[in-house]
N, C-alpha and C. Protein backbone atom coordinates (compact mmCIF):
# COMPACT_ATOMS: atom_id res chain seq x y z
N MET A 1 -30.40 -0.57 21.29
CA MET A 1 -29.62 -1.17 20.22
C MET A 1 -29.89 -0.44 18.92
N GLY A 2 -28.82 -0.23 18.17
CA GLY A 2 -28.97 0.42 16.88
C GLY A 2 -29.00 -0.59 15.76
N ASN A 3 -29.35 -0.12 14.62
CA ASN A 3 -29.37 -0.96 13.44
C ASN A 3 -27.93 -1.22 13.01
N SER A 4 -27.49 -2.47 13.05
CA SER A 4 -26.09 -2.77 12.76
C SER A 4 -25.73 -2.47 11.31
N ALA A 5 -26.68 -2.59 10.39
CA ALA A 5 -26.40 -2.28 8.99
C ALA A 5 -26.10 -0.80 8.82
N SER A 6 -26.87 0.05 9.50
CA SER A 6 -26.61 1.48 9.37
C SER A 6 -25.32 1.86 10.08
N MET A 7 -24.97 1.16 11.14
CA MET A 7 -23.72 1.43 11.84
C MET A 7 -22.53 1.07 10.95
N ARG A 8 -22.64 -0.04 10.25
CA ARG A 8 -21.55 -0.45 9.34
C ARG A 8 -21.41 0.56 8.22
N ASN A 9 -22.53 0.99 7.66
CA ASN A 9 -22.47 1.93 6.55
C ASN A 9 -21.96 3.29 6.96
N SER A 10 -22.24 3.70 8.19
CA SER A 10 -21.80 5.02 8.62
C SER A 10 -20.29 5.07 8.80
N ALA A 11 -19.66 3.92 9.09
CA ALA A 11 -18.22 3.89 9.24
C ALA A 11 -17.52 3.84 7.90
N GLY A 12 -18.23 3.55 6.86
CA GLY A 12 -17.64 3.46 5.53
C GLY A 12 -17.16 2.05 5.26
N ALA A 13 -16.89 1.79 4.01
CA ALA A 13 -16.43 0.45 3.63
C ALA A 13 -15.06 0.20 4.23
N GLY A 14 -14.90 -0.92 4.91
CA GLY A 14 -13.60 -1.26 5.48
C GLY A 14 -13.35 -0.64 6.84
N GLY A 15 -14.31 0.05 7.39
CA GLY A 15 -14.14 0.64 8.72
C GLY A 15 -13.53 2.02 8.65
N PRO A 16 -13.36 2.63 9.80
CA PRO A 16 -12.84 3.99 9.82
C PRO A 16 -11.35 4.03 9.47
N ALA A 17 -10.96 5.03 8.71
CA ALA A 17 -9.55 5.19 8.36
C ALA A 17 -8.81 5.79 9.54
N ARG A 18 -7.53 5.45 9.66
CA ARG A 18 -6.72 5.95 10.77
C ARG A 18 -5.94 7.18 10.33
N ALA A 19 -6.21 8.29 10.91
CA ALA A 19 -5.45 9.53 10.75
C ALA A 19 -5.05 9.81 9.31
N GLY A 20 -6.02 9.78 8.41
CA GLY A 20 -5.76 10.13 7.03
C GLY A 20 -5.20 9.02 6.18
N LYS A 21 -4.97 7.84 6.75
CA LYS A 21 -4.45 6.72 5.97
C LYS A 21 -5.63 5.90 5.45
N PRO A 22 -5.49 5.34 4.25
CA PRO A 22 -6.54 4.43 3.80
C PRO A 22 -6.56 3.19 4.68
N ALA A 23 -7.69 2.49 4.71
CA ALA A 23 -7.85 1.33 5.59
C ALA A 23 -6.87 0.22 5.25
N THR A 24 -6.32 0.19 4.03
CA THR A 24 -5.41 -0.89 3.64
C THR A 24 -3.96 -0.45 3.62
N ALA A 25 -3.62 0.67 4.24
CA ALA A 25 -2.24 1.14 4.26
C ALA A 25 -1.35 0.11 4.95
N GLY A 26 -0.20 -0.15 4.35
CA GLY A 26 0.75 -1.06 4.94
C GLY A 26 0.48 -2.52 4.67
N LYS A 27 -0.47 -2.82 3.79
CA LYS A 27 -0.82 -4.21 3.51
C LYS A 27 -0.61 -4.53 2.04
N LEU A 28 -0.14 -5.73 1.78
CA LEU A 28 -0.14 -6.28 0.43
C LEU A 28 -1.41 -7.10 0.32
N LEU A 29 -2.24 -6.82 -0.66
CA LEU A 29 -3.51 -7.50 -0.78
C LEU A 29 -3.69 -8.25 -2.08
N ARG A 30 -3.21 -7.70 -3.17
CA ARG A 30 -3.47 -8.29 -4.48
C ARG A 30 -2.45 -9.37 -4.83
N LYS A 31 -2.90 -10.34 -5.60
CA LYS A 31 -2.02 -11.42 -6.05
C LYS A 31 -0.83 -10.85 -6.82
N ALA A 32 -1.04 -9.83 -7.61
CA ALA A 32 0.04 -9.23 -8.39
C ALA A 32 1.12 -8.64 -7.48
N GLU A 33 0.71 -8.07 -6.35
CA GLU A 33 1.68 -7.52 -5.39
C GLU A 33 2.52 -8.64 -4.77
N PHE A 34 1.86 -9.73 -4.40
CA PHE A 34 2.57 -10.88 -3.85
C PHE A 34 3.53 -11.45 -4.90
N ASP A 35 3.04 -11.63 -6.13
CA ASP A 35 3.87 -12.19 -7.19
C ASP A 35 5.10 -11.33 -7.47
N ALA A 36 4.94 -10.01 -7.42
CA ALA A 36 6.08 -9.13 -7.65
C ALA A 36 7.15 -9.34 -6.58
N VAL A 37 6.73 -9.53 -5.34
CA VAL A 37 7.69 -9.76 -4.26
C VAL A 37 8.37 -11.12 -4.44
N TYR A 38 7.59 -12.14 -4.79
CA TYR A 38 8.17 -13.47 -4.98
C TYR A 38 9.18 -13.50 -6.13
N HIS A 39 8.85 -12.85 -7.25
CA HIS A 39 9.68 -12.97 -8.44
C HIS A 39 10.83 -11.98 -8.49
N ALA A 40 10.65 -10.77 -8.00
CA ALA A 40 11.70 -9.76 -8.13
C ALA A 40 12.44 -9.50 -6.81
N GLY A 41 11.99 -10.14 -5.75
CA GLY A 41 12.60 -9.88 -4.45
C GLY A 41 13.62 -10.92 -4.06
N LYS A 42 14.02 -10.86 -2.80
CA LYS A 42 14.96 -11.84 -2.26
C LYS A 42 14.29 -12.61 -1.14
N ARG A 43 14.86 -13.75 -0.81
CA ARG A 43 14.28 -14.62 0.21
C ARG A 43 15.28 -14.85 1.33
N ARG A 44 14.76 -14.80 2.55
CA ARG A 44 15.57 -15.10 3.74
C ARG A 44 14.76 -16.03 4.62
N ALA A 45 15.45 -16.90 5.36
CA ALA A 45 14.74 -17.87 6.19
C ALA A 45 15.40 -17.98 7.55
N SER A 46 14.60 -18.37 8.52
CA SER A 46 15.08 -18.69 9.87
C SER A 46 14.38 -19.98 10.29
N SER A 47 14.53 -20.34 11.52
CA SER A 47 13.94 -21.61 11.96
C SER A 47 12.41 -21.57 12.01
N HIS A 48 11.82 -20.37 12.14
CA HIS A 48 10.36 -20.26 12.25
C HIS A 48 9.69 -19.52 11.10
N PHE A 49 10.46 -18.82 10.27
CA PHE A 49 9.87 -17.99 9.22
C PHE A 49 10.67 -18.07 7.93
N THR A 50 9.99 -17.85 6.82
CA THR A 50 10.61 -17.54 5.54
C THR A 50 10.00 -16.21 5.12
N VAL A 51 10.86 -15.25 4.78
CA VAL A 51 10.36 -13.94 4.36
C VAL A 51 10.87 -13.64 2.95
N PHE A 52 10.01 -13.01 2.18
CA PHE A 52 10.33 -12.55 0.84
C PHE A 52 10.27 -11.04 0.88
N LEU A 53 11.31 -10.37 0.35
CA LEU A 53 11.41 -8.92 0.43
C LEU A 53 11.71 -8.32 -0.93
N LYS A 54 11.12 -7.16 -1.17
CA LYS A 54 11.39 -6.40 -2.38
C LYS A 54 11.31 -4.93 -2.01
N ALA A 55 12.32 -4.17 -2.41
CA ALA A 55 12.33 -2.74 -2.12
C ALA A 55 11.18 -2.05 -2.85
N ASN A 56 10.56 -1.10 -2.17
CA ASN A 56 9.54 -0.27 -2.82
C ASN A 56 9.95 1.19 -2.63
N ASP A 57 9.32 2.08 -3.31
CA ASP A 57 9.66 3.50 -3.21
C ASP A 57 8.66 4.25 -2.35
N LEU A 58 8.18 3.60 -1.31
CA LEU A 58 7.17 4.20 -0.44
C LEU A 58 7.81 4.55 0.90
N PRO A 59 7.22 5.47 1.64
CA PRO A 59 7.78 5.86 2.93
C PRO A 59 7.50 4.86 4.05
N GLU A 60 6.84 3.76 3.74
CA GLU A 60 6.56 2.74 4.75
C GLU A 60 6.73 1.36 4.14
N SER A 61 6.87 0.37 4.99
CA SER A 61 6.92 -1.01 4.53
C SER A 61 5.51 -1.56 4.50
N ARG A 62 5.26 -2.41 3.51
CA ARG A 62 3.95 -3.06 3.39
C ARG A 62 4.15 -4.55 3.64
N PHE A 63 3.16 -5.18 4.29
CA PHE A 63 3.29 -6.57 4.69
C PHE A 63 2.17 -7.42 4.10
N GLY A 64 2.51 -8.66 3.79
CA GLY A 64 1.55 -9.67 3.38
C GLY A 64 1.87 -10.94 4.13
N PHE A 65 0.87 -11.75 4.38
CA PHE A 65 1.04 -12.99 5.13
C PHE A 65 0.47 -14.12 4.31
N SER A 66 1.20 -15.21 4.23
CA SER A 66 0.74 -16.38 3.51
C SER A 66 0.84 -17.57 4.45
N ILE A 67 -0.31 -18.09 4.85
CA ILE A 67 -0.38 -19.20 5.79
C ILE A 67 -0.85 -20.42 5.01
N LYS A 68 0.02 -21.37 4.81
CA LYS A 68 -0.28 -22.54 3.99
C LYS A 68 -1.26 -23.48 4.69
N ARG A 69 -2.07 -24.16 3.92
CA ARG A 69 -3.06 -25.10 4.47
C ARG A 69 -2.40 -26.28 5.16
N THR A 70 -1.17 -26.57 4.81
CA THR A 70 -0.48 -27.70 5.43
C THR A 70 -0.15 -27.43 6.89
N LEU A 71 -0.27 -26.19 7.33
CA LEU A 71 0.01 -25.86 8.73
C LEU A 71 -1.10 -26.30 9.67
N GLY A 72 -2.28 -26.57 9.14
CA GLY A 72 -3.37 -27.04 9.99
C GLY A 72 -4.71 -26.56 9.48
N GLY A 73 -5.72 -26.81 10.30
CA GLY A 73 -7.07 -26.38 9.97
C GLY A 73 -7.22 -24.88 10.08
N ALA A 74 -8.41 -24.41 9.82
CA ALA A 74 -8.68 -22.98 9.81
C ALA A 74 -8.39 -22.33 11.16
N VAL A 75 -8.72 -23.01 12.25
CA VAL A 75 -8.49 -22.45 13.58
C VAL A 75 -7.00 -22.24 13.82
N VAL A 76 -6.20 -23.23 13.47
CA VAL A 76 -4.75 -23.14 13.66
C VAL A 76 -4.15 -22.07 12.76
N ARG A 77 -4.56 -22.04 11.50
CA ARG A 77 -4.03 -21.04 10.57
C ARG A 77 -4.40 -19.62 11.00
N ASN A 78 -5.62 -19.42 11.46
CA ASN A 78 -6.02 -18.09 11.93
C ASN A 78 -5.26 -17.68 13.17
N ARG A 79 -4.98 -18.64 14.05
CA ARG A 79 -4.19 -18.33 15.25
C ARG A 79 -2.78 -17.91 14.85
N ILE A 80 -2.18 -18.63 13.91
CA ILE A 80 -0.85 -18.27 13.43
C ILE A 80 -0.88 -16.88 12.79
N ARG A 81 -1.89 -16.62 11.97
CA ARG A 81 -2.01 -15.31 11.30
C ARG A 81 -2.13 -14.18 12.33
N ARG A 82 -2.95 -14.38 13.35
CA ARG A 82 -3.10 -13.35 14.39
C ARG A 82 -1.80 -13.11 15.12
N ARG A 83 -1.08 -14.19 15.44
CA ARG A 83 0.19 -14.07 16.16
C ARG A 83 1.22 -13.30 15.32
N VAL A 84 1.33 -13.63 14.04
CA VAL A 84 2.32 -12.98 13.19
C VAL A 84 1.96 -11.51 12.96
N ARG A 85 0.69 -11.21 12.76
CA ARG A 85 0.28 -9.81 12.61
C ARG A 85 0.61 -9.00 13.86
N GLU A 86 0.40 -9.58 15.02
CA GLU A 86 0.71 -8.89 16.26
C GLU A 86 2.20 -8.68 16.41
N MET A 87 3.00 -9.65 16.00
CA MET A 87 4.46 -9.48 16.04
C MET A 87 4.90 -8.31 15.19
N VAL A 88 4.33 -8.22 13.98
CA VAL A 88 4.67 -7.12 13.09
C VAL A 88 4.22 -5.80 13.69
N ARG A 89 3.03 -5.77 14.27
CA ARG A 89 2.53 -4.54 14.88
C ARG A 89 3.44 -4.07 16.02
N LEU A 90 3.87 -4.99 16.85
CA LEU A 90 4.71 -4.64 18.00
C LEU A 90 6.12 -4.22 17.60
N LYS A 91 6.65 -4.83 16.56
CA LYS A 91 8.03 -4.57 16.14
C LYS A 91 8.13 -3.62 14.96
N ARG A 92 7.05 -2.97 14.61
CA ARG A 92 7.00 -2.12 13.42
C ARG A 92 8.09 -1.04 13.42
N THR A 93 8.39 -0.49 14.59
CA THR A 93 9.41 0.57 14.65
C THR A 93 10.81 0.03 14.42
N GLU A 94 11.03 -1.27 14.65
CA GLU A 94 12.35 -1.87 14.46
C GLU A 94 12.56 -2.36 13.02
N ILE A 95 11.49 -2.39 12.24
CA ILE A 95 11.58 -2.89 10.87
C ILE A 95 11.83 -1.72 9.93
N PRO A 96 12.87 -1.80 9.11
CA PRO A 96 13.16 -0.69 8.19
C PRO A 96 12.01 -0.41 7.23
N THR A 97 11.90 0.84 6.80
CA THR A 97 10.83 1.24 5.89
C THR A 97 11.30 1.09 4.45
N GLY A 98 10.33 1.10 3.53
CA GLY A 98 10.63 1.06 2.11
C GLY A 98 10.71 -0.34 1.53
N TRP A 99 9.98 -1.28 2.11
CA TRP A 99 10.01 -2.67 1.65
C TRP A 99 8.61 -3.24 1.51
N ASP A 100 8.46 -4.14 0.55
CA ASP A 100 7.28 -5.00 0.47
C ASP A 100 7.74 -6.35 1.01
N ILE A 101 7.05 -6.86 2.02
CA ILE A 101 7.49 -8.05 2.74
C ILE A 101 6.34 -9.05 2.80
N VAL A 102 6.62 -10.29 2.40
CA VAL A 102 5.66 -11.38 2.53
C VAL A 102 6.25 -12.36 3.53
N ILE A 103 5.48 -12.70 4.54
CA ILE A 103 5.95 -13.58 5.61
C ILE A 103 5.25 -14.92 5.50
N HIS A 104 6.05 -15.99 5.47
CA HIS A 104 5.56 -17.37 5.48
C HIS A 104 5.99 -17.99 6.81
N PRO A 105 5.08 -18.13 7.76
CA PRO A 105 5.46 -18.80 9.01
C PRO A 105 5.53 -20.32 8.80
N LYS A 106 6.35 -20.95 9.61
CA LYS A 106 6.45 -22.41 9.58
C LYS A 106 5.56 -22.97 10.69
N SER A 107 5.36 -24.26 10.70
CA SER A 107 4.41 -24.88 11.62
C SER A 107 4.76 -24.65 13.09
N SER A 108 6.02 -24.46 13.41
CA SER A 108 6.44 -24.27 14.80
C SER A 108 5.93 -22.96 15.40
N VAL A 109 5.47 -22.04 14.56
CA VAL A 109 4.99 -20.74 15.05
C VAL A 109 3.73 -20.90 15.89
N ALA A 110 2.94 -21.92 15.64
CA ALA A 110 1.68 -22.10 16.37
C ALA A 110 1.90 -22.32 17.86
N GLU A 111 3.00 -22.95 18.24
CA GLU A 111 3.21 -23.32 19.64
C GLU A 111 4.42 -22.67 20.30
N ALA A 112 5.30 -22.05 19.55
CA ALA A 112 6.50 -21.45 20.12
C ALA A 112 6.17 -20.23 20.96
N PRO A 113 7.02 -19.89 21.93
CA PRO A 113 6.78 -18.70 22.77
C PRO A 113 6.75 -17.42 21.93
N PHE A 114 5.76 -16.59 22.22
CA PHE A 114 5.52 -15.40 21.42
C PHE A 114 6.71 -14.45 21.43
N ALA A 115 7.29 -14.18 22.59
CA ALA A 115 8.38 -13.21 22.70
C ALA A 115 9.59 -13.65 21.87
N ALA A 116 9.90 -14.93 21.91
CA ALA A 116 11.04 -15.44 21.14
C ALA A 116 10.77 -15.31 19.64
N LEU A 117 9.54 -15.61 19.22
CA LEU A 117 9.18 -15.48 17.81
C LEU A 117 9.26 -14.03 17.34
N ALA A 118 8.75 -13.12 18.15
CA ALA A 118 8.76 -11.70 17.77
C ALA A 118 10.19 -11.19 17.62
N ALA A 119 11.06 -11.59 18.54
CA ALA A 119 12.45 -11.17 18.46
C ALA A 119 13.13 -11.76 17.23
N GLU A 120 12.85 -13.03 16.94
CA GLU A 120 13.44 -13.67 15.76
C GLU A 120 12.97 -13.01 14.47
N LEU A 121 11.68 -12.71 14.38
CA LEU A 121 11.16 -12.07 13.17
C LEU A 121 11.76 -10.67 12.99
N ALA A 122 11.85 -9.90 14.06
CA ALA A 122 12.43 -8.56 13.97
C ALA A 122 13.90 -8.63 13.54
N ARG A 123 14.63 -9.57 14.10
CA ARG A 123 16.05 -9.74 13.75
C ARG A 123 16.18 -10.16 12.27
N LEU A 124 15.36 -11.10 11.84
CA LEU A 124 15.39 -11.57 10.46
C LEU A 124 15.08 -10.43 9.49
N LEU A 125 14.06 -9.65 9.79
CA LEU A 125 13.68 -8.55 8.90
C LEU A 125 14.72 -7.44 8.90
N SER A 126 15.28 -7.11 10.05
CA SER A 126 16.26 -6.01 10.08
C SER A 126 17.54 -6.40 9.35
N THR A 127 17.98 -7.65 9.46
CA THR A 127 19.19 -8.07 8.73
C THR A 127 18.92 -8.19 7.24
N ALA A 128 17.75 -8.70 6.88
CA ALA A 128 17.41 -8.86 5.46
C ALA A 128 17.22 -7.51 4.78
N CYS A 129 16.65 -6.55 5.49
CA CYS A 129 16.39 -5.24 4.90
C CYS A 129 17.63 -4.35 4.88
N SER A 130 18.65 -4.70 5.63
CA SER A 130 19.84 -3.83 5.70
C SER A 130 20.66 -3.85 4.42
N SER A 131 20.49 -4.90 3.60
CA SER A 131 21.27 -4.98 2.37
C SER A 131 20.33 -4.77 1.17
N LYS A 132 20.21 -3.51 0.73
CA LYS A 132 19.32 -3.19 -0.41
C LYS A 132 19.95 -3.60 -1.66
């Protein structure tokens, strides 16, 4: 067994970068980034999601997730967050580039079938992003 502290430090802060990308590429992290999308962007909704979109001048789309406390306890919210992140990862090629996107899942996301949710989210994002 190795020293876990030295293993963490050898990978660098935030873990290893992927192929020249910073560890936070494709993510909205700061409150100011979220606020810019909320205030200057547009909103679209479906039965399972509400998405906020704002065009950016980047070669990729960046994503943020907001899971409200009213959806459940920490276990439920983390499960929803993992499911939505995986949907975005799987459908990334179908989602147009050049957008900042904040996704608000609704409570039904916790129990709905994954494949149906992923298809709905991809359809919602592709239609919302098609009108710049």
